C-alpha atoms as a PDB file:
ATOM      1  CA  MET A   1     -12.745 -37.375  96.021  1.00  0.00           C
ATOM      2  CA  ASN A   2     -14.221 -34.181  97.562  1.00  0.00           C
ATOM      3  CA  VAL A   3     -13.565 -31.258  95.161  1.00  0.00           C
ATOM      4  CA  GLY A   4     -14.591 -28.810  97.747  1.00  0.00           C
ATOM      5  CA  THR A   5     -12.080 -30.429 100.408  1.00  0.00           C
ATOM      6  CA  ASP A   6      -9.431 -30.489  97.680  1.00  0.00           C
ATOM      7  CA  THR A   7     -10.151 -26.725  97.066  1.00  0.00           C
ATOM      8  CA  ALA A   8      -9.862 -25.630 100.746  1.00  0.00           C
ATOM      9  CA  GLN A   9      -6.809 -27.621 101.196  1.00  0.00           C
ATOM     10  CA  TYR A  10      -5.075 -26.185  98.202  1.00  0.00           C
ATOM     11  CA  SER A  11      -6.378 -22.696  99.390  1.00  0.00           C
ATOM     12  CA  GLN A  12      -4.988 -23.360 102.860  1.00  0.00           C
ATOM     13  CA  GLN A  13      -1.682 -24.235 101.422  1.00  0.00           C
ATOM     14  CA  GLN A  14      -1.664 -20.951  99.483  1.00  0.00           C
ATOM     15  CA  PHE A  15      -2.404 -19.049 102.743  1.00  0.00           C
ATOM     16  CA  ILE A  16       0.382 -20.928 104.451  1.00  0.00           C
ATOM     17  CA  HIS A  17       2.901 -19.857 101.777  1.00  0.00           C
ATOM     18  CA  LEU A  18       1.733 -16.342 101.658  1.00  0.00           C
ATOM     19  CA  VAL A  19       1.819 -16.024 105.540  1.00  0.00           C
ATOM     20  CA  ARG A  20       5.521 -17.142 105.532  1.00  0.00           C
ATOM     21  CA  LEU A  21       6.549 -14.775 102.681  1.00  0.00           C
ATOM     22  CA  ALA A  22       4.770 -11.849 104.688  1.00  0.00           C
ATOM     23  CA  TRP A  23       6.790 -12.564 107.562  1.00  0.00           C
ATOM     24  CA  GLU A  24      10.078 -12.911 105.934  1.00  0.00           C
ATOM     25  CA  LEU A  25       9.489  -9.430 104.083  1.00  0.00           C
ATOM     26  CA  ARG A  26       8.464  -8.008 107.537  1.00  0.00           C
ATOM     27  CA  LEU A  27      11.920  -9.042 108.649  1.00  0.00           C
ATOM     28  CA  ARG A  28      13.240  -7.028 105.852  1.00  0.00           C
ATOM     29  CA  GLY A  29      11.235  -4.078 106.953  1.00  0.00           C
ATOM     30  CA  LEU A  30       8.303  -4.331 104.351  1.00  0.00           C
ATOM     31  CA  GLY A  31       4.942  -4.687 105.556  1.00  0.00           C
ATOM     32  CA  ALA A  32       2.266  -7.020 103.559  1.00  0.00           C
ATOM     33  CA  ALA A  33      -1.189  -8.183 104.005  1.00  0.00           C
ATOM     34  CA  VAL A  34      -2.952 -11.421 102.981  1.00  0.00           C
ATOM     35  CA  GLU A  35      -6.116 -10.675 101.215  1.00  0.00           C
ATOM     36  CA  LEU A  36      -8.761 -13.327 101.755  1.00  0.00           C
ATOM     37  CA  LYS A  37     -11.800 -12.683  99.866  1.00  0.00           C
ATOM     38  CA  VAL A  38     -14.708 -15.480  99.721  1.00  0.00           C
ATOM     39  CA  LYS A  39     -14.667 -17.647  96.354  1.00  0.00           C
ATOM     40  CA  LYS A  40     -11.223 -16.160  95.531  1.00  0.00           C
ATOM     41  CA  GLU A  41      -7.468 -17.332  95.631  1.00  0.00           C
ATOM     42  CA  PRO A  42      -5.715 -15.690  98.390  1.00  0.00           C
ATOM     43  CA  VAL A  43      -3.211 -13.038  97.624  1.00  0.00           C
ATOM     44  CA  LEU A  44      -0.493 -11.213  99.355  1.00  0.00           C
ATOM     45  CA  LEU A  45      -0.538  -7.231  99.034  1.00  0.00           C
ATOM     46  CA  VAL A  46       2.678  -5.894  99.346  1.00  0.00           C
ATOM     47  CA  PRO A  47       2.412  -1.878  99.377  1.00  0.00           C
ATOM     48  CA  ARG A  48       4.631   0.133  96.880  1.00  0.00           C
ATOM     49  CA  SER A  49       4.562   3.709  95.615  1.00  0.00           C
ATOM     50  CA  SER A  50       2.339   2.636  92.465  1.00  0.00           C
ATOM     51  CA  ALA A  51      -0.384  -0.040  93.089  1.00  0.00           C
ATOM     52  CA  ALA A  52       0.142  -2.692  95.526  1.00  0.00           C
ATOM     53  CA  LEU A  53       2.129  -5.719  94.431  1.00  0.00           C
ATOM     54  CA  ARG A  54      -0.187  -8.791  94.020  1.00  0.00           C
ATOM     55  CA  VAL A  55       1.486 -12.048  94.990  1.00  0.00           C
ATOM     56  CA  MET A  56       0.085 -15.338  94.637  1.00  0.00           C
ATOM     57  CA  ALA A  57       1.120 -18.779  95.580  1.00  0.00           C
ATOM     58  CA  VAL A  58       0.521 -21.406  92.943  1.00  0.00           C
ATOM     59  CA  SER A  59       1.348 -25.260  92.729  1.00  0.00           C
ATOM     60  CA  ARG A  60       2.713 -26.457  89.318  1.00  0.00           C
ATOM     61  CA  LYS A  61       3.767 -29.885  88.893  1.00  0.00           C
ATOM     62  CA  GLY A  62       4.252 -30.499  92.523  1.00  0.00           C
ATOM     63  CA  MET A  63       6.355 -27.468  93.239  1.00  0.00           C
ATOM     64  CA  TRP A  64       5.066 -24.118  94.913  1.00  0.00           C
ATOM     65  CA  PHE A  65       5.858 -20.813  93.296  1.00  0.00           C
ATOM     66  CA  PHE A  66       5.245 -17.173  94.256  1.00  0.00           C
ATOM     67  CA  THR A  67       3.933 -15.317  91.069  1.00  0.00           C
ATOM     68  CA  TRP A  68       3.398 -11.517  90.342  1.00  0.00           C
ATOM     69  CA  GLY A  69       2.739 -11.642  87.004  1.00  0.00           C
ATOM     70  CA  ARG A  70       2.992 -14.106  83.829  1.00  0.00           C
ATOM     71  CA  GLY A  71       6.204 -13.917  82.567  1.00  0.00           C
ATOM     72  CA  GLU A  72       9.305 -16.096  83.420  1.00  0.00           C
ATOM     73  CA  GLY A  73      10.895 -13.511  85.641  1.00  0.00           C
ATOM     74  CA  GLN A  74       7.686 -12.905  87.628  1.00  0.00           C
ATOM     75  CA  ARG A  75       8.091 -16.032  89.667  1.00  0.00           C
ATOM     76  CA  VAL A  76      10.254 -17.796  92.256  1.00  0.00           C
ATOM     77  CA  ARG A  77      10.208 -20.960  93.821  1.00  0.00           C
ATOM     78  CA  ALA A  78       8.214 -20.635  97.220  1.00  0.00           C
ATOM     79  CA  LEU A  79      10.953 -22.637  99.049  1.00  0.00           C
ATOM     80  CA  ALA A  80      13.896 -20.789  97.545  1.00  0.00           C
ATOM     81  CA  GLU A  81      16.244 -19.380  99.836  1.00  0.00           C
ATOM     82  CA  ASP A  82      15.960 -15.845  97.917  1.00  0.00           C
ATOM     83  CA  ALA A  83      11.984 -16.033  97.568  1.00  0.00           C
ATOM     84  CA  ALA A  84      11.529 -13.101  99.817  1.00  0.00           C
ATOM     85  CA  GLU A  85      14.471 -11.175  98.601  1.00  0.00           C
ATOM     86  CA  ARG A  86      13.373 -11.370  94.849  1.00  0.00           C
ATOM     87  CA  VAL A  87       9.584 -10.165  95.896  1.00  0.00           C
ATOM     88  CA  TRP A  88      11.479  -7.363  98.102  1.00  0.00           C
ATOM     89  CA  GLU A  89      13.199  -6.204  95.202  1.00  0.00           C
ATOM     90  CA  VAL A  90      10.159  -6.134  92.774  1.00  0.00           C
ATOM     91  CA  ALA A  91       8.226  -4.062  95.414  1.00  0.00           C
ATOM     92  CA  GLN A  92      10.811  -1.327  95.525  1.00  0.00           C
END
Protein backbone atom coordinates (compact mmCIF):
# COMPACT_ATOMS: atom_id res chain seq x y z
CA MET A 1 0.00 0.00 0.00
CA ASN A 2 1.36 3.40 -0.98
CA VAL A 3 0.28 5.94 1.64
CA GLY A 4 1.17 8.88 -0.63
CA THR A 5 -1.04 7.53 -3.43
CA ASP A 6 -3.89 6.78 -1.01
CA THR A 7 -3.68 10.32 0.37
CA ALA A 8 -3.64 11.78 -3.15
CA GLN A 9 -6.68 9.71 -4.16
CA TYR A 10 -8.55 10.78 -1.01
CA SER A 11 -7.73 14.45 -1.69
CA GLN A 12 -8.86 14.07 -5.28
CA GLN A 13 -12.20 12.65 -4.13
CA GLN A 14 -12.56 15.57 -1.71
CA PHE A 15 -11.90 17.98 -4.56
CA ILE A 16 -14.47 16.30 -6.83
CA HIS A 17 -17.19 16.49 -4.16
CA LEU A 18 -16.38 20.14 -3.41
CA VAL A 19 -16.43 21.15 -7.08
CA ARG A 20 -19.81 19.46 -7.53
CA LEU A 21 -21.13 21.36 -4.49
CA ALA A 22 -19.68 24.64 -5.81
CA TRP A 23 -21.48 24.10 -9.10
CA GLU A 24 -24.79 23.40 -7.35
CA LEU A 25 -24.37 26.53 -5.21
CA ARG A 26 -23.62 28.54 -8.36
CA LEU A 27 -26.93 27.39 -9.83
CA ARG A 28 -28.58 28.88 -6.70
CA GLY A 29 -26.84 32.22 -7.28
CA LEU A 30 -24.05 31.76 -4.76
CA GLY A 31 -20.40 31.86 -5.79
CA ALA A 32 -17.73 29.73 -4.17
CA ALA A 33 -14.06 28.89 -4.62
CA VAL A 34 -12.09 25.73 -3.94
CA GLU A 35 -8.90 26.42 -1.98
CA LEU A 36 -6.08 23.99 -2.78
CA LYS A 37 -3.18 24.66 -0.45
CA VAL A 38 -0.15 22.41 -0.59
CA LYS A 39 -0.17 19.75 2.15
CA LYS A 40 -3.64 20.83 3.32
CA GLU A 41 -7.04 19.31 2.64
CA PRO A 42 -9.11 21.02 -0.06
CA VAL A 43 -11.79 23.37 1.25
CA LEU A 44 -14.70 25.17 -0.39
CA LEU A 45 -14.87 28.85 0.54
CA VAL A 46 -18.39 30.25 0.39
CA PRO A 47 -18.52 34.02 0.85
CA ARG A 48 -20.90 35.51 3.39
CA SER A 49 -21.20 38.82 5.21
CA SER A 50 -19.04 37.73 8.13
CA ALA A 51 -16.18 35.35 7.39
CA ALA A 52 -16.27 32.87 4.51
CA LEU A 53 -17.97 29.58 5.27
CA ARG A 54 -15.35 26.83 5.06
CA VAL A 55 -16.84 23.56 3.81
CA MET A 56 -14.85 20.35 3.78
CA ALA A 57 -15.62 16.96 2.25
CA VAL A 58 -14.82 14.04 4.55
CA SER A 59 -15.37 10.31 4.37
CA ARG A 60 -16.64 8.46 7.43
CA LYS A 61 -17.42 4.73 7.42
CA GLY A 62 -17.55 4.69 3.63
CA MET A 63 -19.91 7.68 3.30
CA TRP A 64 -18.98 11.17 2.14
CA PHE A 65 -20.15 14.25 4.05
CA PHE A 66 -19.87 18.00 3.69
CA THR A 67 -19.01 19.57 7.02
CA TRP A 68 -18.65 23.19 8.12
CA GLY A 69 -18.11 22.60 11.83
CA ARG A 70 -17.99 19.85 14.41
CA GLY A 71 -21.60 19.61 15.55
CA GLU A 72 -24.22 17.10 14.39
CA GLY A 73 -26.14 19.87 12.61
CA GLN A 74 -23.05 21.06 10.79
CA ARG A 75 -22.81 18.32 8.24
CA VAL A 76 -24.83 16.75 5.46
CA ARG A 77 -24.26 13.67 3.33
CA ALA A 78 -22.44 14.76 0.20
CA LEU A 79 -24.81 12.84 -2.06
CA ALA A 80 -28.00 13.96 -0.29
CA GLU A 81 -30.48 15.72 -2.56
CA ASP A 82 -30.61 18.69 -0.18
CA ALA A 83 -26.84 19.02 0.39
CA ALA A 84 -26.44 22.23 -1.62
CA GLU A 85 -29.61 23.67 -0.11
CA ARG A 86 -28.34 23.04 3.42
CA VAL A 87 -24.99 24.70 2.71
CA TRP A 88 -26.75 27.59 0.93
CA GLU A 89 -28.94 28.17 4.01
CA VAL A 90 -25.93 28.23 6.34
CA ALA A 91 -24.15 30.73 4.07
CA GLN A 92 -27.04 33.23 4.20
